[in-house]
PDB file of N, CA and C in Angstrom:
ATOM      1  N   MET A   1     140.044  95.581 120.701  1.00  0.00           N
ATOM      2  CA  MET A   1     139.247  95.723 119.647  1.00  0.00           C
ATOM      3  C   MET A   1     137.761  96.274 120.108  1.00  0.00           C
ATOM      4  N   SER A   2     137.871  97.247 119.184  1.00  0.00           N
ATOM      5  CA  SER A   2     136.242  98.005 119.486  1.00  0.00           C
ATOM      6  C   SER A   2     134.987  97.228 119.014  1.00  0.00           C
ATOM      7  N   SER A   3     133.728  97.533 119.890  1.00  0.00           N
ATOM      8  CA  SER A   3     132.898  96.845 119.347  1.00  0.00           C
ATOM      9  C   SER A   3     131.829  97.506 118.798  1.00  0.00           C
ATOM     10  N   THR A   4     131.421  97.939 117.699  1.00  0.00           N
ATOM     11  CA  THR A   4     131.008  99.056 117.188  1.00  0.00           C
ATOM     12  C   THR A   4     129.530  98.161 116.667  1.00  0.00           C
ATOM     13  N   ALA A   5     128.410  98.961 116.952  1.00  0.00           N
ATOM     14  CA  ALA A   5     127.277  98.155 116.345  1.00  0.00           C
ATOM     15  C   ALA A   5     127.452  98.032 114.939  1.00  0.00           C
ATOM     16  N   PRO A   6     126.722  97.169 114.448  1.00  0.00           N
ATOM     17  CA  PRO A   6     126.181  97.167 113.067  1.00  0.00           C
ATOM     18  C   PRO A   6     125.271  98.542 112.671  1.00  0.00           C
ATOM     19  N   PRO A   7     125.261  99.036 111.283  1.00  0.00           N
ATOM     20  CA  PRO A   7     124.686  99.814 110.825  1.00  0.00           C
ATOM     21  C   PRO A   7     123.340  99.601 110.961  1.00  0.00           C
ATOM     22  N   GLN A   8     122.477 100.390 111.260  1.00  0.00           N
ATOM     23  CA  GLN A   8     121.148 100.154 111.445  1.00  0.00           C
ATOM     24  C   GLN A   8     120.465 100.360 109.979  1.00  0.00           C
ATOM     25  N   PRO A   9     119.289  99.456 109.561  1.00  0.00           N
ATOM     26  CA  PRO A   9     119.087  99.645 108.353  1.00  0.00           C
ATOM     27  C   PRO A   9     117.893 101.065 108.085  1.00  0.00           C
ATOM     28  N   GLU A  10     117.725 101.328 107.053  1.00  0.00           N
ATOM     29  CA  GLU A  10     116.712 102.289 107.013  1.00  0.00           C
ATOM     30  C   GLU A  10     115.312 102.039 107.337  1.00  0.00           C
ATOM     31  N   SER A  11     114.537 102.893 108.051  1.00  0.00           N
ATOM     32  CA  SER A  11     113.185 102.626 108.175  1.00  0.00           C
ATOM     33  C   SER A  11     112.577 102.125 107.207  1.00  0.00           C
ATOM     34  N   PRO A  12     111.680 101.516 106.922  1.00  0.00           N
ATOM     35  CA  PRO A  12     110.573 101.360 105.792  1.00  0.00           C
ATOM     36  C   PRO A  12     109.983 102.615 105.396  1.00  0.00           C
ATOM     37  N   ALA A  13     109.516 103.380 106.431  1.00  0.00           N
ATOM     38  CA  ALA A  13     108.845 104.340 106.066  1.00  0.00           C
ATOM     39  C   ALA A  13     109.622 105.733 105.880  1.00  0.00           C
ATOM     40  N   LYS A  14     110.965 105.623 106.035  1.00  0.00           N
ATOM     41  CA  LYS A  14     111.898 106.508 105.292  1.00  0.00           C
ATOM     42  C   LYS A  14     112.137 106.253 104.085  1.00  0.00           C
ATOM     43  N   ARG A  15     112.060 104.819 103.620  1.00  0.00           N
ATOM     44  CA  ARG A  15     112.600 104.505 102.204  1.00  0.00           C
ATOM     45  C   ARG A  15     111.470 104.806 101.190  1.00  0.00           C
ATOM     46  N   LEU A  16     110.163 104.518 101.857  1.00  0.00           N
ATOM     47  CA  LEU A  16     109.070 104.734 100.913  1.00  0.00           C
ATOM     48  C   LEU A  16     108.852 106.250 100.739  1.00  0.00           C
ATOM     49  N   ARG A  17     108.891 106.997 101.774  1.00  0.00           N
ATOM     50  CA  ARG A  17     109.006 108.623 101.430  1.00  0.00           C
ATOM     51  C   ARG A  17     110.205 109.180 100.440  1.00  0.00           C
ATOM     52  N   ALA A  18     111.137 108.543 100.343  1.00  0.00           N
ATOM     53  CA  ALA A  18     112.273 108.696  99.529  1.00  0.00           C
ATOM     54  C   ALA A  18     111.998 108.239  97.977  1.00  0.00           C
ATOM     55  N   MET A  19     111.563 107.112  97.923  1.00  0.00           N
ATOM     56  CA  MET A  19     110.779 106.735  96.759  1.00  0.00           C
ATOM     57  C   MET A  19     109.609 107.724  96.196  1.00  0.00           C
ATOM     58  N   ALA A  20     108.560 107.885  97.216  1.00  0.00           N
ATOM     59  CA  ALA A  20     107.800 108.659  96.451  1.00  0.00           C
ATOM     60  C   ALA A  20     108.228 109.797  96.157  1.00  0.00           C
ATOM     61  N   ASP A  21     109.100 110.613  96.943  1.00  0.00           N
ATOM     62  CA  ASP A  21     109.768 112.115  96.509  1.00  0.00           C
ATOM     63  C   ASP A  21     110.367 111.895  95.347  1.00  0.00           C
ATOM     64  N   GLU A  22     111.051 110.678  94.520  1.00  0.00           N
ATOM     65  CA  GLU A  22     111.789 110.537  93.444  1.00  0.00           C
ATOM     66  C   GLU A  22     110.404 110.451  92.529  1.00  0.00           C
ATOM     67  N   MET A  23     109.497 109.732  93.109  1.00  0.00           N
ATOM     68  CA  MET A  23     108.368 109.456  91.912  1.00  0.00           C
ATOM     69  C   MET A  23     107.764 110.583  91.446  1.00  0.00           C
ATOM     70  N   ALA A  24     107.763 111.601  92.714  1.00  0.00           N
ATOM     71  CA  ALA A  24     106.701 113.058  92.540  1.00  0.00           C
ATOM     72  C   ALA A  24     107.205 113.623  91.498  1.00  0.00           C
ATOM     73  N   GLY A  25     109.059 113.548  91.358  1.00  0.00           N
ATOM     74  CA  GLY A  25     110.017 114.550  90.332  1.00  0.00           C
ATOM     75  C   GLY A  25     109.438 114.353  88.954  1.00  0.00           C
ATOM     76  N   ILE A  26     109.228 112.708  88.826  1.00  0.00           N
ATOM     77  CA  ILE A  26     108.861 112.156  87.714  1.00  0.00           C
ATOM     78  C   ILE A  26     107.793 112.578  86.900  1.00  0.00           C
ATOM     79  N   ALA A  27     106.781 112.335  88.166  1.00  0.00           N
ATOM     80  CA  ALA A  27     105.283 112.590  87.807  1.00  0.00           C
ATOM     81  C   ALA A  27     105.108 114.188  87.550  1.00  0.00           C
ATOM     82  N   ALA A  28     105.596 114.785  88.007  1.00  0.00           N
ATOM     83  CA  ALA A  28     105.880 116.438  87.755  1.00  0.00           C
ATOM     84  C   ALA A  28     106.064 116.412  86.183  1.00  0.00           C
ATOM     85  N   GLU A  29     107.177 115.734  85.848  1.00  0.00           N
ATOM     86  CA  GLU A  29     107.887 116.021  84.317  1.00  0.00           C
ATOM     87  C   GLU A  29     106.807 115.223  83.691  1.00  0.00           C
ATOM     88  N   LEU A  30     106.280 114.237  83.753  1.00  0.00           N
ATOM     89  CA  LEU A  30     105.257 113.497  82.677  1.00  0.00           C
ATOM     90  C   LEU A  30     104.130 114.476  82.696  1.00  0.00           C
ATOM     91  N   ASP A  31     103.449 115.035  83.835  1.00  0.00           N
ATOM     92  CA  ASP A  31     102.420 115.839  83.780  1.00  0.00           C
ATOM     93  C   ASP A  31     102.602 117.279  82.882  1.00  0.00           C
ATOM     94  N   TYR A  32     103.993 117.680  83.144  1.00  0.00           N
ATOM     95  CA  TYR A  32     104.212 119.215  82.246  1.00  0.00           C
ATOM     96  C   TYR A  32     104.562 118.627  80.965  1.00  0.00           C
ATOM     97  N   PHE A  33     105.118 117.664  80.777  1.00  0.00           N
ATOM     98  CA  PHE A  33     105.838 117.895  79.207  1.00  0.00           C
ATOM     99  C   PHE A  33     104.694 116.798  78.418  1.00  0.00           C
ATOM    100  N   GLY A  34     103.890 116.398  79.011  1.00  0.00           N
ATOM    101  CA  GLY A  34     102.953 115.348  78.317  1.00  0.00           C
ATOM    102  C   GLY A  34     101.987 116.172  77.457  1.00  0.00           C
ATOM    103  N   GLY A  35     101.743 117.487  77.912  1.00  0.00           N
ATOM    104  CA  GLY A  35     100.876 118.164  77.405  1.00  0.00           C
ATOM    105  C   GLY A  35      99.329 117.569  77.510  1.00  0.00           C
ATOM    106  N   PHE A  36      98.531 117.302  76.555  1.00  0.00           N
ATOM    107  CA  PHE A  36      97.420 116.682  76.816  1.00  0.00           C
ATOM    108  C   PHE A  36      97.402 115.145  76.175  1.00  0.00           C
ATOM    109  N   SER A  37      98.486 114.721  76.524  1.00  0.00           N
ATOM    110  CA  SER A  37      98.730 113.087  75.765  1.00  0.00           C
ATOM    111  C   SER A  37      98.299 112.454  77.215  1.00  0.00           C
ATOM    112  N   LYS A  38      98.410 110.830  76.989  1.00  0.00           N
ATOM    113  CA  LYS A  38      98.203 109.848  77.984  1.00  0.00           C
ATOM    114  C   LYS A  38      99.544 110.063  79.035  1.00  0.00           C
ATOM    115  N   LYS A  39     100.483 110.779  78.549  1.00  0.00           N
ATOM    116  CA  LYS A  39     101.756 110.645  79.302  1.00  0.00           C
ATOM    117  C   LYS A  39     101.321 111.614  80.428  1.00  0.00           C
ATOM    118  N   SER A  40     100.563 112.688  80.265  1.00  0.00           N
ATOM    119  CA  SER A  40     100.212 113.608  81.114  1.00  0.00           C
ATOM    120  C   SER A  40      99.474 113.293  82.223  1.00  0.00           C
ATOM    121  N   GLN A  41      98.333 112.253  81.620  1.00  0.00           N
ATOM    122  CA  GLN A  41      97.488 111.608  82.435  1.00  0.00           C
ATOM    123  C   GLN A  41      98.351 110.577  83.637  1.00  0.00           C
ATOM    124  N   ALA A  42      99.176 109.935  83.155  1.00  0.00           N
ATOM    125  CA  ALA A  42     100.121 109.003  83.783  1.00  0.00           C
ATOM    126  C   ALA A  42     100.778 109.860  85.016  1.00  0.00           C
ATOM    127  N   GLY A  43     101.459 110.893  84.579  1.00  0.00           N
ATOM    128  CA  GLY A  43     102.028 111.558  85.494  1.00  0.00           C
ATOM    129  C   GLY A  43     101.206 112.328  86.562  1.00  0.00           C
ATOM    130  N   ARG A  44      99.610 112.597  86.534  1.00  0.00           N
ATOM    131  CA  ARG A  44      98.517 112.975  87.271  1.00  0.00           C
ATOM    132  C   ARG A  44      98.644 111.736  88.213  1.00  0.00           C
ATOM    133  N   ASP A  45      98.416 110.474  87.734  1.00  0.00           N
ATOM    134  CA  ASP A  45      97.783 109.231  88.256  1.00  0.00           C
ATOM    135  C   ASP A  45      99.217 108.896  89.335  1.00  0.00           C
ATOM    136  N   LEU A  46     100.362 108.931  88.829  1.00  0.00           N
ATOM    137  CA  LEU A  46     101.459 108.623  89.379  1.00  0.00           C
ATOM    138  C   LEU A  46     101.815 109.627  90.900  1.00  0.00           C
ATOM    139  N   ALA A  47     101.411 110.897  90.677  1.00  0.00           N
ATOM    140  CA  ALA A  47     101.235 111.997  91.576  1.00  0.00           C
ATOM    141  C   ALA A  47     100.142 111.513  92.765  1.00  0.00           C
ATOM    142  N   ASP A  48      99.302 111.111  92.206  1.00  0.00           N
ATOM    143  CA  ASP A  48      98.131 110.371  93.457  1.00  0.00           C
ATOM    144  C   ASP A  48      98.945 109.190  94.022  1.00  0.00           C
ATOM    145  N   ILE A  49      99.603 108.562  93.596  1.00  0.00           N
ATOM    146  CA  ILE A  49      99.991 107.369  93.974  1.00  0.00           C
ATOM    147  C   ILE A  49     101.136 107.974  95.107  1.00  0.00           C
ATOM    148  N   CYS A  50     101.541 108.606  94.445  1.00  0.00           N
ATOM    149  CA  CYS A  50     102.701 109.410  95.696  1.00  0.00           C
ATOM    150  C   CYS A  50     102.150 109.751  97.015  1.00  0.00           C
ATOM    151  N   ILE A  51     100.847 110.630  96.823  1.00  0.00           N
ATOM    152  CA  ILE A  51     100.342 110.976  98.049  1.00  0.00           C
ATOM    153  C   ILE A  51     100.019 109.692  99.131  1.00  0.00           C
ATOM    154  N   LEU A  52      99.433 108.802  98.154  1.00  0.00           N
ATOM    155  CA  LEU A  52      99.207 107.555  99.067  1.00  0.00           C
ATOM    156  C   LEU A  52     100.345 106.950  99.614  1.00  0.00           C
ATOM    157  N   ILE A  53     101.330 106.600  99.150  1.00  0.00           N
ATOM    158  CA  ILE A  53     102.808 106.345  99.697  1.00  0.00           C
ATOM    159  C   ILE A  53     103.168 106.960 100.958  1.00  0.00           C
ATOM    160  N   HIS A  54     103.017 108.231 100.590  1.00  0.00           N
ATOM    161  CA  HIS A  54     103.348 109.409 101.876  1.00  0.00           C
ATOM    162  C   HIS A  54     102.529 109.189 103.270  1.00  0.00           C
ATOM    163  N   GLN A  55     101.107 108.747 102.722  1.00  0.00           N
ATOM    164  CA  GLN A  55     100.093 108.641 103.628  1.00  0.00           C
ATOM    165  C   GLN A  55     100.311 107.024 104.650  1.00  0.00           C
ATOM    166  N   VAL A  56     101.017 106.329 103.792  1.00  0.00           N
ATOM    167  CA  VAL A  56     100.951 104.742 104.306  1.00  0.00           C
ATOM    168  C   VAL A  56     102.708 104.907 105.209  1.00  0.00           C
ATOM    169  N   SER A  57     103.553 105.695 104.634  1.00  0.00           N
ATOM    170  CA  SER A  57     104.786 105.761 105.383  1.00  0.00           C
ATOM    171  C   SER A  57     104.473 106.373 106.595  1.00  0.00           C
ATOM    172  N   ALA A  58     103.427 107.568 106.577  1.00  0.00           N
ATOM    173  CA  ALA A  58     102.871 108.146 108.155  1.00  0.00           C
ATOM    174  C   ALA A  58     102.498 106.954 108.903  1.00  0.00           C
ATOM    175  N   ASP A  59     101.574 106.425 108.499  1.00  0.00           N
ATOM    176  CA  ASP A  59     100.602 105.129 109.044  1.00  0.00           C
ATOM    177  C   ASP A  59     101.584 104.324 109.969  1.00  0.00           C
ATOM    178  N   ILE A  60     102.923 103.708 109.236  1.00  0.00           N
ATOM    179  CA  ILE A  60     103.827 102.831 109.206  1.00  0.00           C
ATOM    180  C   ILE A  60     104.599 103.426 110.729  1.00  0.00           C
ATOM    181  N   GLU A  61     104.865 104.581 110.526  1.00  0.00           N
ATOM    182  CA  GLU A  61     105.468 105.458 111.470  1.00  0.00           C
ATOM    183  C   GLU A  61     104.737 105.691 112.884  1.00  0.00           C
ATOM    184  N   ALA A  62     103.317 106.023 112.638  1.00  0.00           N
ATOM    185  CA  ALA A  62     102.301 106.257 113.825  1.00  0.00           C
ATOM    186  C   ALA A  62     102.507 104.868 114.698  1.00  0.00           C
ATOM    187  N   GLU A  63     102.438 103.682 113.715  1.00  0.00           N
ATOM    188  CA  GLU A  63     102.228 102.532 114.495  1.00  0.00           C
ATOM    189  C   GLU A  63     103.502 101.869 114.866  1.00  0.00           C
ATOM    190  N   ASN A  64     104.757 102.503 114.753  1.00  0.00           N
ATOM    191  CA  ASN A  64     105.786 102.168 115.342  1.00  0.00           C
ATOM    192  C   ASN A  64     106.056 102.986 116.706  1.00  0.00           C
ATOM    193  N   HIS A  65     105.460 104.183 116.570  1.00  0.00           N
ATOM    194  CA  HIS A  65     105.773 105.358 117.617  1.00  0.00           C
ATOM    195  C   HIS A  65     104.766 105.529 118.037  1.00  0.00           C
ATOM    196  N   PRO A  66     103.861 104.913 118.915  1.00  0.00           N
ATOM    197  CA  PRO A  66     102.529 105.534 118.973  1.00  0.00           C
ATOM    198  C   PRO A  66     102.608 106.481 119.996  1.00  0.00           C
ATOM    199  N   LYS A  67     101.767 107.557 120.175  1.00  0.00           N
ATOM    200  CA  LYS A  67     101.652 108.584 121.283  1.00  0.00           C
ATOM    201  C   LYS A  67     101.218 108.635 122.668  1.00  0.00           C
TER     202      LYS A  67
END
């Protein structure tokens, strides 16, 4: 019988980055196709949130892997 290690779950930071990247694509679509409507503003707001999520993921990684 071989003893293989169970698969490691993805880190929260990596999952947050992937989510933010997906959200950024949606944000760009909302902003572009929204014109001057509230959808466009929602897209820009969502893009700002994506930046914050990337910053949080970087902070999580820095905390887990201090230099």
